[in-house]
Amino acid sequence: MEPLNGTRAFLAAEISGNHNGDLSRALALVHAAARTGADGVKFQAFTLNEIVGLRGDGQAPPPWDSMTLPELYTKLHTPLEWLPTLFAEALGLGLMPFASVFGKRSLEALEACRCPLYKIAKPERHNSALILMVRATLKPVLISGIDVYCPGGYPCRPEELQLRAHLAEYDGLSCHCPDPMVGAVAAALGAKYIEYHVTLDDGVPTLDDPVNLTASQFADMVRMVRQAEAML
């Protein structure tokens, strides 16, 4: 299944740093995503040098502004050596594994896993060198802020989303509003790609908690999206 080209929305579970640096937790997140009915599971693939080279070493934005950017990304980092295991697990569960990519080394690691789809994060949406390098793989590329609406704020408040206006311009939504209903509204407005950060139902804190859905909430979102699509 290729996002933006299907007859129904592609629902992506973003793992981000919700694994807390633990591979077994990352695998549990993949299994949780499969149980929700998600179509794909998304990772963030970078080395510290790549992402600091792109975004600098200053203070992290709210709500992580007690840390520097290198400190934040060190905590959020998904080791590249985990990717073959995570991709194999996802594929075995019927999920499409893919990733945001931030540089040559992370792209090489993802290509070795036969990554079928790439995403460019919003801060890199105008980085032509990175985009050209990724497009050279001849794989589909989604760019936040160009193909996919990615509202500001961590979290973004519901009243700030303005989905009707923005989804007239974009084909999908990368949601930083932790409300399952947003996905159903986006689908009803024609979104073909909907992405939320997902964490486990175990109550263990993670750095992405301001924007996370729990796995149970993500499953509710999937159910509401599919119901909304059936009503159209």
C-alpha atoms as a PDB file:
ATOM      1  CA  MET A   1       0.000   0.000   0.000  1.00  0.00           C
ATOM      2  CA  GLU A   2       1.323   3.421  -0.950  1.00  0.00           C
ATOM      3  CA  PRO A   3       0.236   6.409   1.158  1.00  0.00           C
ATOM      4  CA  LEU A   4      -1.774   9.118  -0.640  1.00  0.00           C
ATOM      5  CA  ASN A   5      -2.774   6.728  -3.456  1.00  0.00           C
ATOM      6  CA  GLY A   6      -5.166   4.408  -1.643  1.00  0.00           C
ATOM      7  CA  THR A   7      -8.930   4.453  -1.417  1.00  0.00           C
ATOM      8  CA  ARG A   8      -8.730   4.876   2.354  1.00  0.00           C
ATOM      9  CA  ALA A   9      -6.378   6.695   4.711  1.00  0.00           C
ATOM     10  CA  PHE A  10      -3.003   5.128   5.501  1.00  0.00           C
ATOM     11  CA  LEU A  11      -2.694   5.132   9.306  1.00  0.00           C
ATOM     12  CA  ALA A  12       0.864   5.369  10.599  1.00  0.00           C
ATOM     13  CA  ALA A  13       1.996   4.678  14.166  1.00  0.00           C
ATOM     14  CA  GLU A  14       5.046   6.846  14.930  1.00  0.00           C
ATOM     15  CA  ILE A  15       7.345   5.135  17.437  1.00  0.00           C
ATOM     16  CA  SER A  16       9.805   8.048  17.782  1.00  0.00           C
ATOM     17  CA  GLY A  17      11.649   7.769  21.121  1.00  0.00           C
ATOM     18  CA  ASN A  18       8.841   5.983  22.952  1.00  0.00           C
ATOM     19  CA  HIS A  19      11.085   2.927  23.261  1.00  0.00           C
ATOM     20  CA  ASN A  20      13.123   4.785  25.938  1.00  0.00           C
ATOM     21  CA  GLY A  21      16.317   3.272  24.571  1.00  0.00           C
ATOM     22  CA  ASP A  22      15.130  -0.321  25.068  1.00  0.00           C
ATOM     23  CA  LEU A  23      14.917  -2.632  22.039  1.00  0.00           C
ATOM     24  CA  SER A  24      12.434  -4.938  23.755  1.00  0.00           C
ATOM     25  CA  ARG A  25      10.139  -1.959  24.335  1.00  0.00           C
ATOM     26  CA  ALA A  26      10.557  -0.925  20.690  1.00  0.00           C
ATOM     27  CA  LEU A  27       9.457  -4.407  19.625  1.00  0.00           C
ATOM     28  CA  ALA A  28       6.516  -4.253  22.030  1.00  0.00           C
ATOM     29  CA  LEU A  29       5.500  -0.981  20.384  1.00  0.00           C
ATOM     30  CA  VAL A  30       5.580  -2.628  16.957  1.00  0.00           C
ATOM     31  CA  HIS A  31       3.305  -5.400  18.252  1.00  0.00           C
ATOM     32  CA  ALA A  32       0.993  -2.857  19.877  1.00  0.00           C
ATOM     33  CA  ALA A  33       0.772  -0.926  16.601  1.00  0.00           C
ATOM     34  CA  ALA A  34      -0.196  -4.107  14.761  1.00  0.00           C
ATOM     35  CA  ARG A  35      -2.970  -4.809  17.257  1.00  0.00           C
ATOM     36  CA  THR A  36      -4.450  -1.326  16.768  1.00  0.00           C
ATOM     37  CA  GLY A  37      -5.091  -1.920  13.066  1.00  0.00           C
ATOM     38  CA  ALA A  38      -2.437   0.542  11.897  1.00  0.00           C
ATOM     39  CA  ASP A  39      -1.235   0.220   8.309  1.00  0.00           C
ATOM     40  CA  GLY A  40       2.359   1.190   8.985  1.00  0.00           C
ATOM     41  CA  VAL A  41       4.864   1.776  11.742  1.00  0.00           C
ATOM     42  CA  LYS A  42       7.275   4.682  11.469  1.00  0.00           C
ATOM     43  CA  PHE A  43      10.698   5.164  13.001  1.00  0.00           C
ATOM     44  CA  GLN A  44      13.079   8.110  13.110  1.00  0.00           C
ATOM     45  CA  ALA A  45      16.480   7.123  11.734  1.00  0.00           C
ATOM     46  CA  PHE A  46      19.400   9.434  12.433  1.00  0.00           C
ATOM     47  CA  THR A  47      22.863   9.586  13.860  1.00  0.00           C
ATOM     48  CA  LEU A  48      23.584  12.305  16.399  1.00  0.00           C
ATOM     49  CA  ASN A  49      26.049  13.918  13.983  1.00  0.00           C
ATOM     50  CA  GLU A  50      23.429  14.004  11.223  1.00  0.00           C
ATOM     51  CA  ILE A  51      20.683  15.633  13.217  1.00  0.00           C
ATOM     52  CA  VAL A  52      22.908  18.102  15.045  1.00  0.00           C
ATOM     53  CA  GLY A  53      24.393  19.025  11.676  1.00  0.00           C
ATOM     54  CA  LEU A  54      20.883  19.796  10.443  1.00  0.00           C
ATOM     55  CA  ARG A  55      19.392  21.436  13.525  1.00  0.00           C
ATOM     56  CA  GLY A  56      22.294  22.743  15.580  1.00  0.00           C
ATOM     57  CA  ASP A  57      23.296  22.282  19.201  1.00  0.00           C
ATOM     58  CA  GLY A  58      21.256  25.001  20.903  1.00  0.00           C
ATOM     59  CA  GLN A  59      18.423  24.762  23.386  1.00  0.00           C
ATOM     60  CA  ALA A  60      15.634  22.300  22.603  1.00  0.00           C
ATOM     61  CA  PRO A  61      12.155  23.739  21.949  1.00  0.00           C
ATOM     62  CA  PRO A  62       9.308  23.460  24.482  1.00  0.00           C
ATOM     63  CA  PRO A  63       8.341  21.209  26.162  1.00  0.00           C
ATOM     64  CA  TRP A  64      11.933  19.915  26.223  1.00  0.00           C
ATOM     65  CA  ASP A  65      13.640  23.265  26.758  1.00  0.00           C
ATOM     66  CA  SER A  66      15.383  22.102  29.923  1.00  0.00           C
ATOM     67  CA  MET A  67      17.742  20.224  27.561  1.00  0.00           C
ATOM     68  CA  THR A  68      20.024  21.087  24.676  1.00  0.00           C
ATOM     69  CA  LEU A  69      19.210  19.640  21.253  1.00  0.00           C
ATOM     70  CA  PRO A  70      22.058  17.082  21.446  1.00  0.00           C
ATOM     71  CA  GLU A  71      20.786  15.948  24.869  1.00  0.00           C
ATOM     72  CA  LEU A  72      17.240  15.605  23.520  1.00  0.00           C
ATOM     73  CA  TYR A  73      18.243  13.681  20.403  1.00  0.00           C
ATOM     74  CA  THR A  74      20.521  11.386  22.382  1.00  0.00           C
ATOM     75  CA  LYS A  75      17.494  10.373  24.466  1.00  0.00           C
ATOM     76  CA  LEU A  76      15.205  10.005  21.420  1.00  0.00           C
ATOM     77  CA  HIS A  77      17.742   8.106  19.302  1.00  0.00           C
ATOM     78  CA  THR A  78      16.778   4.796  17.705  1.00  0.00           C
ATOM     79  CA  PRO A  79      20.077   2.966  17.070  1.00  0.00           C
ATOM     80  CA  LEU A  80      20.541   2.165  13.395  1.00  0.00           C
ATOM     81  CA  GLU A  81      21.581  -1.366  14.287  1.00  0.00           C
ATOM     82  CA  TRP A  82      18.053  -1.993  15.591  1.00  0.00           C
ATOM     83  CA  LEU A  83      16.453  -1.309  12.219  1.00  0.00           C
ATOM     84  CA  PRO A  84      16.793  -4.789  10.634  1.00  0.00           C
ATOM     85  CA  THR A  85      15.140  -6.383  13.674  1.00  0.00           C
ATOM     86  CA  LEU A  86      12.373  -3.777  13.860  1.00  0.00           C
ATOM     87  CA  PHE A  87      11.643  -3.911  10.132  1.00  0.00           C
ATOM     88  CA  ALA A  88      11.537  -7.714  10.110  1.00  0.00           C
ATOM     89  CA  GLU A  89       9.179  -7.759  13.099  1.00  0.00           C
ATOM     90  CA  ALA A  90       6.855  -5.207  11.495  1.00  0.00           C
ATOM     91  CA  LEU A  91       6.754  -7.033   8.181  1.00  0.00           C
ATOM     92  CA  GLY A  92       5.989 -10.290   9.936  1.00  0.00           C
ATOM     93  CA  LEU A  93       2.983  -8.619  11.567  1.00  0.00           C
ATOM     94  CA  GLY A  94       1.663  -7.213   8.300  1.00  0.00           C
ATOM     95  CA  LEU A  95       2.782  -3.631   8.899  1.00  0.00           C
ATOM     96  CA  MET A  96       4.669  -1.401   6.473  1.00  0.00           C
ATOM     97  CA  PRO A  97       7.835  -0.247   8.288  1.00  0.00           C
ATOM     98  CA  PHE A  98       9.323   3.068   7.172  1.00  0.00           C
ATOM     99  CA  ALA A  99      11.195   6.015   8.598  1.00  0.00           C
ATOM    100  CA  SER A 100      12.029   9.658   8.639  1.00  0.00           C
ATOM    101  CA  VAL A 101      15.597  10.010   7.390  1.00  0.00           C
ATOM    102  CA  PHE A 102      18.172  12.680   8.157  1.00  0.00           C
ATOM    103  CA  GLY A 103      21.390  11.923   6.317  1.00  0.00           C
ATOM    104  CA  LYS A 104      23.599   9.636   4.246  1.00  0.00           C
ATOM    105  CA  ARG A 105      24.447   7.106   6.951  1.00  0.00           C
ATOM    106  CA  SER A 106      20.844   6.684   8.120  1.00  0.00           C
ATOM    107  CA  LEU A 107      19.670   6.421   4.508  1.00  0.00           C
ATOM    108  CA  GLU A 108      22.217   3.669   3.824  1.00  0.00           C
ATOM    109  CA  ALA A 109      21.008   1.757   6.903  1.00  0.00           C
ATOM    110  CA  LEU A 110      17.394   2.063   5.773  1.00  0.00           C
ATOM    111  CA  GLU A 111      18.186   1.043   2.205  1.00  0.00           C
ATOM    112  CA  ALA A 112      19.852  -2.069   3.589  1.00  0.00           C
ATOM    113  CA  CYS A 113      16.480  -2.853   5.211  1.00  0.00           C
ATOM    114  CA  ARG A 114      14.700  -2.253   1.879  1.00  0.00           C
ATOM    115  CA  CYS A 115      12.729   0.602   3.367  1.00  0.00           C
ATOM    116  CA  PRO A 116       9.732   1.073   1.025  1.00  0.00           C
ATOM    117  CA  LEU A 117       8.891   4.689   1.911  1.00  0.00           C
ATOM    118  CA  TYR A 118      10.708   7.710   3.309  1.00  0.00           C
ATOM    119  CA  LYS A 119       9.526  10.748   5.199  1.00  0.00           C
ATOM    120  CA  ILE A 120      11.249  14.103   5.475  1.00  0.00           C
ATOM    121  CA  ALA A 121      10.548  15.958   8.723  1.00  0.00           C
ATOM    122  CA  LYS A 122       9.103  19.454   8.605  1.00  0.00           C
ATOM    123  CA  PRO A 123      12.309  21.288   9.657  1.00  0.00           C
ATOM    124  CA  GLU A 124      14.082  19.702   6.640  1.00  0.00           C
ATOM    125  CA  ARG A 125      11.290  20.348   4.118  1.00  0.00           C
ATOM    126  CA  HIS A 126      13.434  22.852   2.203  1.00  0.00           C
ATOM    127  CA  ASN A 127      16.714  20.925   2.491  1.00  0.00           C
ATOM    128  CA  SER A 128      17.187  20.223  -1.206  1.00  0.00           C
ATOM    129  CA  ALA A 129      20.386  18.190  -0.748  1.00  0.00           C
ATOM    130  CA  LEU A 130      18.694  15.765   1.659  1.00  0.00           C
ATOM    131  CA  ILE A 131      15.537  15.538  -0.440  1.00  0.00           C
ATOM    132  CA  LEU A 132      17.442  14.884  -3.662  1.00  0.00           C
ATOM    133  CA  MET A 133      19.527  12.188  -1.944  1.00  0.00           C
ATOM    134  CA  VAL A 134      16.392  10.437  -0.688  1.00  0.00           C
ATOM    135  CA  ARG A 135      14.522  10.791  -3.990  1.00  0.00           C
ATOM    136  CA  ALA A 136      17.474   9.134  -5.721  1.00  0.00           C
ATOM    137  CA  THR A 137      16.391   5.862  -4.091  1.00  0.00           C
ATOM    138  CA  LEU A 138      13.298   6.011  -6.360  1.00  0.00           C
ATOM    139  CA  LYS A 139      11.121   5.231  -3.334  1.00  0.00           C
ATOM    140  CA  PRO A 140       8.029   7.299  -2.443  1.00  0.00           C
ATOM    141  CA  VAL A 141       8.882  10.316  -0.282  1.00  0.00           C
ATOM    142  CA  LEU A 142       6.460  12.188   1.985  1.00  0.00           C
ATOM    143  CA  ILE A 143       7.531  15.662   3.087  1.00  0.00           C
ATOM    144  CA  SER A 144       5.971  17.184   6.189  1.00  0.00           C
ATOM    145  CA  GLY A 145       4.930  20.735   5.498  1.00  0.00           C
ATOM    146  CA  ILE A 146       4.652  20.064   1.762  1.00  0.00           C
ATOM    147  CA  ASP A 147       2.689  16.829   1.268  1.00  0.00           C
ATOM    148  CA  VAL A 148       1.491  16.403   4.834  1.00  0.00           C
ATOM    149  CA  TYR A 149       0.096  19.046   7.190  1.00  0.00           C
ATOM    150  CA  CYS A 150       2.205  19.146  10.348  1.00  0.00           C
ATOM    151  CA  PRO A 151       0.801  21.689  12.832  1.00  0.00           C
ATOM    152  CA  GLY A 152       3.112  23.452  15.256  1.00  0.00           C
ATOM    153  CA  GLY A 153       3.084  23.011  18.988  1.00  0.00           C
ATOM    154  CA  TYR A 154       3.861  19.998  21.160  1.00  0.00           C
ATOM    155  CA  PRO A 155       1.005  19.491  21.682  1.00  0.00           C
ATOM    156  CA  CYS A 156      -1.107  21.399  19.195  1.00  0.00           C
ATOM    157  CA  ARG A 157      -4.453  22.398  20.727  1.00  0.00           C
ATOM    158  CA  PRO A 158      -7.608  21.287  18.860  1.00  0.00           C
ATOM    159  CA  GLU A 159      -8.716  24.862  18.193  1.00  0.00           C
ATOM    160  CA  GLU A 160      -5.388  25.570  16.481  1.00  0.00           C
ATOM    161  CA  LEU A 161      -5.665  22.763  13.924  1.00  0.00           C
ATOM    162  CA  GLN A 162      -7.975  24.447  11.364  1.00  0.00           C
ATOM    163  CA  LEU A 163      -8.236  21.158   9.512  1.00  0.00           C
ATOM    164  CA  ARG A 164     -10.761  22.243   6.902  1.00  0.00           C
ATOM    165  CA  ALA A 165      -8.483  24.988   5.603  1.00  0.00           C
ATOM    166  CA  HIS A 166      -5.219  23.059   5.812  1.00  0.00           C
ATOM    167  CA  LEU A 167      -6.435  19.749   4.409  1.00  0.00           C
ATOM    168  CA  ALA A 168      -7.611  21.598   1.323  1.00  0.00           C
ATOM    169  CA  GLU A 169      -3.887  22.188   0.677  1.00  0.00           C
ATOM    170  CA  TYR A 170      -2.303  18.983   1.995  1.00  0.00           C
ATOM    171  CA  ASP A 171      -2.891  15.281   1.350  1.00  0.00           C
ATOM    172  CA  GLY A 172      -2.446  14.099   4.921  1.00  0.00           C
ATOM    173  CA  LEU A 173      -1.852  14.964   8.566  1.00  0.00           C
ATOM    174  CA  SER A 174       1.038  14.403  10.941  1.00  0.00           C
ATOM    175  CA  CYS A 175      -0.899  14.921  14.150  1.00  0.00           C
ATOM    176  CA  HIS A 176       0.588  16.487  17.276  1.00  0.00           C
ATOM    177  CA  CYS A 177      -2.830  16.868  18.901  1.00  0.00           C
ATOM    178  CA  PRO A 178      -3.332  13.870  21.245  1.00  0.00           C
ATOM    179  CA  ASP A 179      -7.035  13.442  20.525  1.00  0.00           C
ATOM    180  CA  PRO A 180      -8.184  10.330  18.627  1.00  0.00           C
ATOM    181  CA  MET A 181     -11.097  12.243  17.103  1.00  0.00           C
ATOM    182  CA  VAL A 182      -8.752  14.380  15.015  1.00  0.00           C
ATOM    183  CA  GLY A 183      -7.978  11.393  12.800  1.00  0.00           C
ATOM    184  CA  ALA A 184     -11.654  10.787  11.997  1.00  0.00           C
ATOM    185  CA  VAL A 185     -12.215  14.462  11.169  1.00  0.00           C
ATOM    186  CA  ALA A 186      -9.117  14.478   8.962  1.00  0.00           C
ATOM    187  CA  ALA A 187     -10.290  11.359   7.116  1.00  0.00           C
ATOM    188  CA  ALA A 188     -13.728  12.889   6.575  1.00  0.00           C
ATOM    189  CA  LEU A 189     -11.996  15.936   5.074  1.00  0.00           C
ATOM    190  CA  GLY A 190     -10.096  13.731   2.633  1.00  0.00           C
ATOM    191  CA  ALA A 191      -6.758  13.024   4.342  1.00  0.00           C
ATOM    192  CA  LYS A 192      -5.058   9.988   2.790  1.00  0.00           C
ATOM    193  CA  TYR A 193      -2.244   9.774   5.371  1.00  0.00           C
ATOM    194  CA  ILE A 194      -2.727  10.154   9.133  1.00  0.00           C
ATOM    195  CA  GLU A 195       0.168   9.810  11.584  1.00  0.00           C
ATOM    196  CA  TYR A 196       0.138   9.861  15.380  1.00  0.00           C
ATOM    197  CA  HIS A 197       2.833   9.150  17.953  1.00  0.00           C
ATOM    198  CA  VAL A 198       1.974   5.982  19.867  1.00  0.00           C
ATOM    199  CA  THR A 199       3.100   4.635  23.221  1.00  0.00           C
ATOM    200  CA  LEU A 200       2.245   1.572  25.274  1.00  0.00           C
ATOM    201  CA  ASP A 201      -0.654   1.406  27.720  1.00  0.00           C
ATOM    202  CA  ASP A 202       1.711   0.705  30.621  1.00  0.00           C
ATOM    203  CA  GLY A 203       1.944   4.272  31.938  1.00  0.00           C
ATOM    204  CA  VAL A 204       5.728   4.413  31.594  1.00  0.00           C
ATOM    205  CA  PRO A 205       6.687   8.058  30.910  1.00  0.00           C
ATOM    206  CA  THR A 206       8.373   8.972  27.618  1.00  0.00           C
ATOM    207  CA  LEU A 207       9.641  12.220  26.136  1.00  0.00           C
ATOM    208  CA  ASP A 208       6.851  12.185  23.542  1.00  0.00           C
ATOM    209  CA  ASP A 209       4.035  12.007  26.090  1.00  0.00           C
ATOM    210  CA  PRO A 210       2.763  15.544  25.270  1.00  0.00           C
ATOM    211  CA  VAL A 211       1.796  14.309  21.777  1.00  0.00           C
ATOM    212  CA  ASN A 212       1.312  10.556  22.285  1.00  0.00           C
ATOM    213  CA  LEU A 213      -1.768   8.439  21.960  1.00  0.00           C
ATOM    214  CA  THR A 214      -1.665   5.281  24.019  1.00  0.00           C
ATOM    215  CA  ALA A 215      -2.081   2.103  22.016  1.00  0.00           C
ATOM    216  CA  SER A 216      -5.694   1.890  23.201  1.00  0.00           C
ATOM    217  CA  GLN A 217      -6.347   5.461  22.083  1.00  0.00           C
ATOM    218  CA  PHE A 218      -4.674   4.762  18.744  1.00  0.00           C
ATOM    219  CA  ALA A 219      -6.965   1.754  18.283  1.00  0.00           C
ATOM    220  CA  ASP A 220      -9.937   4.029  19.002  1.00  0.00           C
ATOM    221  CA  MET A 221      -8.644   6.433  16.356  1.00  0.00           C
ATOM    222  CA  VAL A 222      -8.337   3.623  13.801  1.00  0.00           C
ATOM    223  CA  ARG A 223     -11.890   2.493  14.527  1.00  0.00           C
ATOM    224  CA  MET A 224     -13.273   6.033  14.205  1.00  0.00           C
ATOM    225  CA  VAL A 225     -11.378   6.685  10.961  1.00  0.00           C
ATOM    226  CA  ARG A 226     -12.700   3.498   9.371  1.00  0.00           C
ATOM    227  CA  GLN A 227     -16.223   4.301  10.545  1.00  0.00           C
ATOM    228  CA  ALA A 228     -15.967   7.822   9.137  1.00  0.00           C
ATOM    229  CA  GLU A 229     -14.749   6.472   5.794  1.00  0.00           C
ATOM    230  CA  ALA A 230     -17.636   3.992   5.662  1.00  0.00           C
ATOM    231  CA  MET A 231     -20.092   6.854   6.150  1.00  0.00           C
ATOM    232  CA  LEU A 232     -18.812   8.984   3.275  1.00  0.00           C
END
